[in-house]
Protein backbone atom coordinates (compact mmCIF):
# COMPACT_ATOMS: atom_id res chain seq x y z
CA MET A 1 -22.87 -120.03 25.26
CA PRO A 2 -26.41 -121.32 24.36
CA MET A 3 -27.39 -120.10 20.60
CA PRO A 4 -30.67 -118.36 21.77
CA VAL A 5 -28.62 -116.16 24.00
CA LEU A 6 -26.11 -115.46 21.25
CA ALA A 7 -28.87 -114.63 18.82
CA ILE A 8 -30.58 -112.09 21.15
CA LEU A 9 -26.76 -110.59 21.80
CA PHE A 10 -26.29 -110.32 18.06
CA ASN A 11 -29.63 -108.37 17.63
CA ALA A 12 -28.52 -105.92 20.42
CA PHE A 13 -25.16 -105.82 18.38
CA VAL A 14 -26.90 -104.94 15.18
CA TRP A 15 -28.56 -102.06 16.76
CA GLY A 16 -25.96 -100.88 19.04
CA LEU A 17 -23.77 -100.10 15.91
CA SER A 18 -26.44 -99.15 13.44
CA TRP A 19 -25.58 -95.62 13.92
CA VAL A 20 -22.06 -96.24 11.79
CA PRO A 21 -23.66 -97.00 8.50
CA PHE A 22 -26.41 -94.44 9.08
CA ARG A 23 -23.62 -91.65 9.41
CA GLN A 24 -21.79 -93.09 6.34
CA MET A 25 -24.86 -92.42 4.59
CA GLY A 26 -25.10 -89.07 6.09
CA ALA A 27 -21.50 -88.34 4.59
CA LEU A 28 -22.81 -89.51 1.16
CA GLY A 29 -25.55 -86.85 1.42
CA TRP A 30 -28.46 -89.19 2.57
CA HIS A 31 -30.67 -87.93 5.31
CA PRO A 32 -31.39 -90.75 7.35
CA LEU A 33 -35.03 -90.83 6.82
CA TRP A 34 -34.50 -91.38 3.18
CA THR A 35 -31.85 -94.11 4.19
CA THR A 36 -34.44 -95.79 6.51
CA ALA A 37 -37.13 -95.70 3.77
CA LEU A 38 -34.74 -97.47 1.29
CA VAL A 39 -33.44 -100.03 3.63
CA TYR A 40 -37.06 -101.30 4.56
CA LEU A 41 -38.21 -100.81 1.04
CA SER A 42 -35.60 -103.41 -0.07
CA ILE A 43 -36.46 -105.75 3.08
CA ILE A 44 -40.24 -105.60 2.17
CA ALA A 45 -39.45 -106.22 -1.64
CA VAL A 46 -37.57 -109.51 -0.53
CA VAL A 47 -40.25 -110.77 1.65
CA LEU A 48 -42.88 -109.92 -0.70
CA ALA A 49 -40.94 -111.86 -3.72
CA LEU A 50 -40.43 -114.92 -1.12
CA ARG A 51 -44.11 -114.64 0.42
CA PRO A 52 -46.72 -112.68 -1.91
CA GLY A 53 -49.63 -113.10 0.77
CA MET A 54 -47.74 -111.64 3.44
CA LEU A 55 -48.93 -107.87 2.36
CA ARG A 56 -52.72 -108.95 2.51
CA GLY A 57 -52.11 -110.36 6.02
CA ALA A 58 -50.28 -107.39 7.11
CA LEU A 59 -52.90 -104.96 6.13
CA SER A 60 -56.02 -107.23 7.67
CA GLY A 61 -56.84 -105.01 10.19
CA PRO A 62 -56.66 -101.76 12.12
CA ARG A 63 -54.62 -103.31 14.85
CA LEU A 64 -51.83 -104.07 12.39
CA TRP A 65 -52.13 -100.67 10.90
CA TRP A 66 -51.50 -99.00 14.36
CA LEU A 67 -48.45 -101.60 15.03
CA GLY A 68 -47.26 -100.39 11.69
CA LEU A 69 -47.49 -96.92 12.49
CA ALA A 70 -45.88 -97.17 15.93
CA ALA A 71 -42.94 -99.17 14.46
CA GLY A 72 -42.33 -96.77 11.97
CA LEU A 73 -42.51 -93.64 14.20
CA THR A 74 -39.75 -95.59 16.59
CA ASN A 75 -37.34 -96.29 13.49
CA ALA A 76 -37.69 -92.90 12.13
CA GLY A 77 -37.06 -91.26 15.46
CA PHE A 78 -33.81 -93.48 16.69
CA ASN A 79 -32.26 -93.55 13.28
CA TRP A 80 -32.41 -89.64 12.70
CA GLY A 81 -31.39 -89.33 16.46
CA VAL A 82 -28.33 -91.16 16.36
CA THR A 83 -27.29 -89.80 13.01
CA GLN A 84 -27.48 -86.11 14.12
CA GLY A 85 -26.68 -86.06 17.77
CA ASP A 86 -24.58 -87.73 20.47
CA VAL A 87 -25.19 -91.44 20.14
CA LEU A 88 -25.27 -92.44 23.65
CA ARG A 89 -27.50 -89.43 24.59
CA VAL A 90 -30.04 -90.71 22.23
CA VAL A 91 -29.70 -94.20 23.11
CA LEU A 92 -30.13 -93.66 26.72
CA LEU A 93 -33.20 -91.42 26.15
CA PHE A 94 -34.63 -94.07 24.08
CA TYR A 95 -34.49 -96.56 27.14
CA LEU A 96 -36.78 -94.28 29.28
CA MET A 97 -39.27 -97.20 28.41
CA PRO A 98 -40.07 -98.04 31.90
CA LEU A 99 -41.81 -94.75 32.35
CA TRP A 100 -43.76 -94.93 28.80
CA MET A 101 -44.50 -98.66 29.22
CA VAL A 102 -46.50 -97.80 32.31
CA LEU A 103 -48.25 -94.90 31.20
CA LEU A 104 -49.41 -96.64 28.00
CA ALA A 105 -50.46 -99.81 29.53
CA TRP A 106 -52.63 -98.06 31.89
CA ALA A 107 -54.19 -95.53 29.30
CA LEU A 108 -54.48 -98.43 26.66
CA LEU A 109 -54.90 -101.53 28.39
CA GLY A 110 -56.31 -100.68 31.67
CA GLU A 111 -53.49 -101.81 33.77
CA ARG A 112 -52.99 -99.68 36.95
CA PRO A 113 -49.59 -99.17 38.07
CA THR A 114 -48.18 -101.02 40.86
CA ARG A 115 -45.83 -99.48 43.70
CA ALA A 116 -43.23 -101.32 42.00
CA ALA A 117 -43.91 -99.84 38.79
CA LEU A 118 -44.17 -96.24 40.12
CA ALA A 119 -40.77 -96.57 41.80
CA ARG A 120 -39.22 -97.86 38.48
CA MET A 121 -41.05 -94.69 36.87
CA ALA A 122 -39.36 -92.66 39.64
CA LEU A 123 -35.87 -94.08 39.06
CA ALA A 124 -36.36 -93.71 35.20
CA LEU A 125 -37.14 -89.92 35.71
CA GLY A 126 -34.04 -89.60 37.80
CA GLY A 127 -31.90 -90.99 35.24
CA VAL A 128 -33.13 -88.98 32.31
CA ALA A 129 -32.87 -85.79 34.52
CA LEU A 130 -29.10 -86.52 34.81
CA VAL A 131 -28.73 -87.23 31.15
CA LEU A 132 -30.80 -83.94 30.19
CA LYS A 133 -29.33 -81.57 32.61
CA ALA A 134 -26.55 -79.56 30.75
CA PRO A 135 -24.15 -77.01 32.73
CA GLY A 136 -25.93 -73.80 33.72
CA SER A 137 -29.50 -74.77 32.64
CA ALA A 138 -32.37 -74.55 35.55
CA TRP A 139 -34.21 -77.41 34.15
CA PRO A 140 -33.34 -80.74 32.80
CA LEU A 141 -35.29 -80.35 29.37
CA PRO A 142 -34.22 -81.53 25.89
CA ALA A 143 -31.66 -79.42 24.46
CA SER A 144 -31.77 -80.22 20.65
CA LEU A 145 -33.61 -82.21 18.16
CA PRO A 146 -31.86 -85.60 18.58
CA ASP A 147 -32.79 -85.53 22.25
CA TRP A 148 -36.58 -85.09 21.44
CA LEU A 149 -35.99 -87.90 18.67
CA GLY A 150 -34.41 -90.00 21.32
CA LEU A 151 -37.45 -89.53 23.76
CA GLY A 152 -39.91 -89.82 20.76
CA ALA A 153 -38.31 -93.02 19.44
CA GLY A 154 -38.40 -94.71 22.90
CA PHE A 155 -42.16 -93.57 23.44
CA GLY A 156 -42.91 -95.11 19.89
CA PHE A 157 -40.92 -98.21 20.81
CA ALA A 158 -43.42 -98.63 24.16
CA LEU A 159 -46.27 -98.11 22.02
CA THR A 160 -45.25 -100.57 19.55
CA ASN A 161 -44.90 -103.06 22.49
CA VAL A 162 -48.36 -102.36 23.52
CA PHE A 163 -50.08 -102.85 19.98
CA LEU A 164 -47.93 -106.19 19.60
CA ARG A 165 -49.78 -107.27 22.71
CA ARG A 166 -53.18 -105.85 21.18
CA ALA A 167 -52.29 -107.81 17.69
CA ALA A 168 -51.28 -111.04 19.72
CA GLN A 169 -53.85 -112.92 18.02
CA ALA A 170 -52.35 -112.09 14.31
CA PRO A 171 -49.69 -114.49 13.06
CA GLY A 172 -46.45 -113.31 13.76
CA GLU A 173 -45.48 -112.90 10.20
CA TRP A 174 -48.21 -110.66 9.66
CA ARG A 175 -46.95 -108.55 12.52
CA ALA A 176 -43.56 -108.51 11.22
CA THR A 177 -44.52 -107.31 7.83
CA ALA A 178 -46.85 -104.65 9.32
CA MET A 179 -43.68 -103.32 11.25
CA PHE A 180 -41.68 -103.53 8.08
CA LEU A 181 -44.11 -101.58 6.21
CA GLY A 182 -44.56 -99.16 8.66
CA CYS A 183 -40.58 -98.56 9.12
CA ALA A 184 -40.70 -97.87 5.35
CA GLY A 185 -43.81 -95.83 5.07
CA VAL A 186 -43.39 -93.31 8.05
CA PRO A 187 -39.88 -92.23 7.24
CA LEU A 188 -40.67 -91.99 3.42
CA GLY A 189 -43.77 -89.99 4.44
CA VAL A 190 -42.15 -87.56 7.05
CA ALA A 191 -39.21 -87.26 4.30
CA LEU A 192 -41.77 -86.05 1.59
CA ALA A 193 -43.44 -83.68 4.10
CA GLY A 194 -40.28 -82.19 5.44
CA GLY A 195 -39.08 -81.62 1.68
CA LEU A 196 -42.30 -79.92 0.97
CA LEU A 197 -41.50 -77.53 4.33
CA GLY A 198 -38.18 -77.14 3.00
CA LEU A 199 -36.25 -78.88 6.01
CA PRO A 200 -32.51 -79.44 5.59
CA GLY A 201 -31.58 -82.34 3.82
CA LEU A 202 -35.01 -83.25 2.83
CA SER A 203 -35.74 -80.79 0.05
CA ARG A 204 -35.16 -83.65 -2.57
CA PRO A 205 -34.77 -87.17 -2.56
CA PRO A 206 -31.14 -88.48 -2.70
CA VAL A 207 -29.57 -89.64 -6.18
CA LEU A 208 -28.67 -93.25 -6.64
CA THR A 209 -25.55 -92.32 -7.98
CA ALA A 210 -24.07 -94.59 -10.74
CA ASP A 211 -20.52 -95.10 -8.64
CA LEU A 212 -22.79 -97.20 -6.13
CA ALA A 213 -20.88 -95.82 -3.06
CA TRP A 214 -24.30 -95.98 -1.30
CA LEU A 215 -24.93 -99.61 -2.14
CA PRO A 216 -22.78 -101.36 0.36
CA TRP A 217 -24.20 -99.39 3.48
CA ILE A 218 -27.82 -99.89 2.39
CA ALA A 219 -26.98 -103.64 1.80
CA MET A 220 -25.43 -104.06 5.54
CA LEU A 221 -28.30 -102.33 7.08
CA ALA A 222 -30.93 -104.28 5.10
CA VAL A 223 -29.13 -107.53 5.69
CA GLY A 224 -28.27 -106.67 9.20
CA PHE A 225 -31.93 -105.63 10.43
CA ALA A 226 -33.22 -108.64 8.74
CA VAL A 227 -30.95 -111.14 10.19
CA ALA A 228 -31.39 -109.61 13.66
CA ASN A 229 -35.00 -109.85 13.37
CA VAL A 230 -34.56 -113.47 12.54
CA ALA A 231 -32.09 -113.99 15.35
CA LEU A 232 -34.47 -112.12 17.99
CA GLN A 233 -37.49 -114.32 17.02
CA TYR A 234 -35.11 -117.45 17.35
CA GLY A 235 -34.02 -116.35 20.70
CA ALA A 236 -37.14 -114.93 21.86
CA VAL A 237 -39.11 -118.17 21.87
CA ARG A 238 -36.88 -119.99 23.44
CA LEU A 239 -35.94 -117.70 26.56
CA ALA A 240 -38.07 -116.13 29.18
CA ALA A 241 -39.11 -112.67 28.19
CA GLY A 242 -37.36 -111.09 31.34
CA THR A 243 -34.12 -113.04 30.01
CA VAL A 244 -34.48 -111.57 26.72
CA SER A 245 -35.15 -108.32 28.00
CA VAL A 246 -32.12 -108.11 30.03
CA LEU A 247 -29.87 -109.60 27.07
CA LEU A 248 -31.31 -106.74 24.94
CA LEU A 249 -29.62 -104.14 27.32
CA SER A 250 -26.43 -105.09 26.05
CA GLU A 251 -27.29 -102.49 22.97
CA VAL A 252 -26.46 -99.56 25.37
CA LEU A 253 -23.09 -101.19 26.04
CA PHE A 254 -22.27 -101.68 22.41
CA ALA A 255 -23.45 -98.35 21.29
CA THR A 256 -21.36 -96.57 24.18
CA VAL A 257 -18.23 -98.34 23.52
CA SER A 258 -18.40 -97.98 19.89
CA SER A 259 -19.96 -94.31 19.88
CA VAL A 260 -17.21 -93.20 22.67
CA ALA A 261 -14.19 -95.04 20.81
CA ALA A 262 -15.17 -93.09 17.57
CA GLY A 263 -15.86 -89.81 19.16
CA ALA A 264 -19.44 -89.53 18.39
CA ALA A 265 -20.50 -89.64 22.02
CA GLN A 266 -19.15 -88.19 25.34
CA LEU A 267 -19.21 -90.14 28.38
CA THR A 268 -19.39 -87.40 31.03
CA PRO A 269 -19.88 -88.67 34.98
CA ARG A 270 -23.10 -87.13 34.93
CA VAL A 271 -24.39 -88.84 31.69
CA ALA A 272 -22.88 -92.09 33.29
CA ALA A 273 -24.66 -91.90 36.37
CA GLY A 274 -28.31 -91.21 34.71
CA GLY A 275 -27.56 -94.00 32.43
CA LEU A 276 -26.81 -96.19 35.41
CA LEU A 277 -30.34 -95.22 36.70
CA LEU A 278 -32.06 -95.51 33.33
CA MET A 279 -30.55 -99.02 32.92
CA GLY A 280 -31.47 -100.03 36.36
CA ALA A 281 -35.07 -99.08 35.74
CA ALA A 282 -35.01 -101.19 32.60
CA LEU A 283 -33.56 -103.97 34.13
CA TRP A 284 -35.74 -103.77 37.07
CA ALA A 285 -38.84 -103.62 34.85
CA ALA A 286 -37.16 -106.78 32.69
CA VAL A 287 -36.93 -108.94 35.42
CA ALA A 288 -40.48 -107.93 36.94
CA ARG A 289 -42.36 -109.57 33.74
CA ALA A 290 -43.70 -112.74 33.59
CA PRO A 291 -41.68 -115.17 31.78
CA ALA A 292 -43.51 -115.55 28.50
CA PRO A 293 -42.28 -115.74 25.06
CA ARG A 294 -42.10 -112.98 22.72
CA ASP A 295 -42.06 -112.43 19.18
CA HIS A 296 -40.43 -109.10 18.48
CA ARG A 297 -38.34 -106.48 20.27
CA ARG A 298 -38.29 -103.68 17.93
CA PRO A 299 -39.94 -102.48 14.78
CA ALA A 300 -38.61 -104.48 11.99
CA THR A 301 -36.66 -106.52 14.27
CA PRO A 302 -35.04 -101.18 16.71
C-alpha cells in the first residue's frame, strides 16, 4: 500500500481511537477539557522550543485567529463528547459535515449550493434524524449533552475548513500553529469558565499527582496528535483531496469497532442505517470535490 495512503489511514486511526486515552484520563479524575488543554499546551511547548518564530506568525492576522478559534471549538466539543457519551453517536453526528459545509460556504464564501449539494444535505439530514430518533420521542432531537457536543464539533470542523480556505495564503506552519493555539486556548477558557459556574468536573483544575499515572496518557495523546498531523500533511500533498477525504472516513470504522467492542457504544439497526446515510453524504461530498492538495483535515492535525 502506498505510503501516503498509509499516512492518511494512520491519522484516521489516531482520531478513531482517541476516545480511549481520554476516558482513561477521565477515570483519573480529569475532565476532557483539562486533558485537551494540557495535551495541546505540551505540543505548543515543543513547537515553540524548535521554532520560536511560529508564535508570531500564527498570531499575525485575524484570519488565523478565527482559524484557531474554530479549531479549538472542534477539539473541545469532539473530545468532550466522546468521553461523556456514546462514542459512535458522537462520531456520526460529527460527520454532519456536508450540511454545515454547504451552509457555511454559502454564508461566508458566497458559494451558492448546487442541486447535488442540496441533495447531499437532504441525505445527511435523513441520517442524523435516524441517529437522533429515540424510541417514544416525537421528534429526532439531541437527547443529551454529548449529542449537542457532537453536532457542535462537526459545525466547528466545517467552520475550520472554511477558515483554512480563507487563510490559504498564510504559510502552512502558521496555520498549524494557530490551530494548536486554539486547541489549547479554547478548552482552557471553557474549563475555567465552567469552573466559575460550578459545572461538574470543572470546579478546579486537576492535580498533577506525583504517581504520574496521568503522564503516559497525556504523552500518548500529544505524540499521537502531533504525528497524526505530520502524517496528514505528508499524505494530503501527495493525494487528491477527494481521495484524502474518502480515506479519512475510515475514522468512523475505527471508532465503531473499538467502541462497540469495549461497550462504549451501541450499534442498533437504526443507528447503523443513519450512519450509512451520513457516510454516504460525506462520501458523495468527498468525491465531488476538485482534486486539489490540502494541508490539514482537523484542528491540530480532529
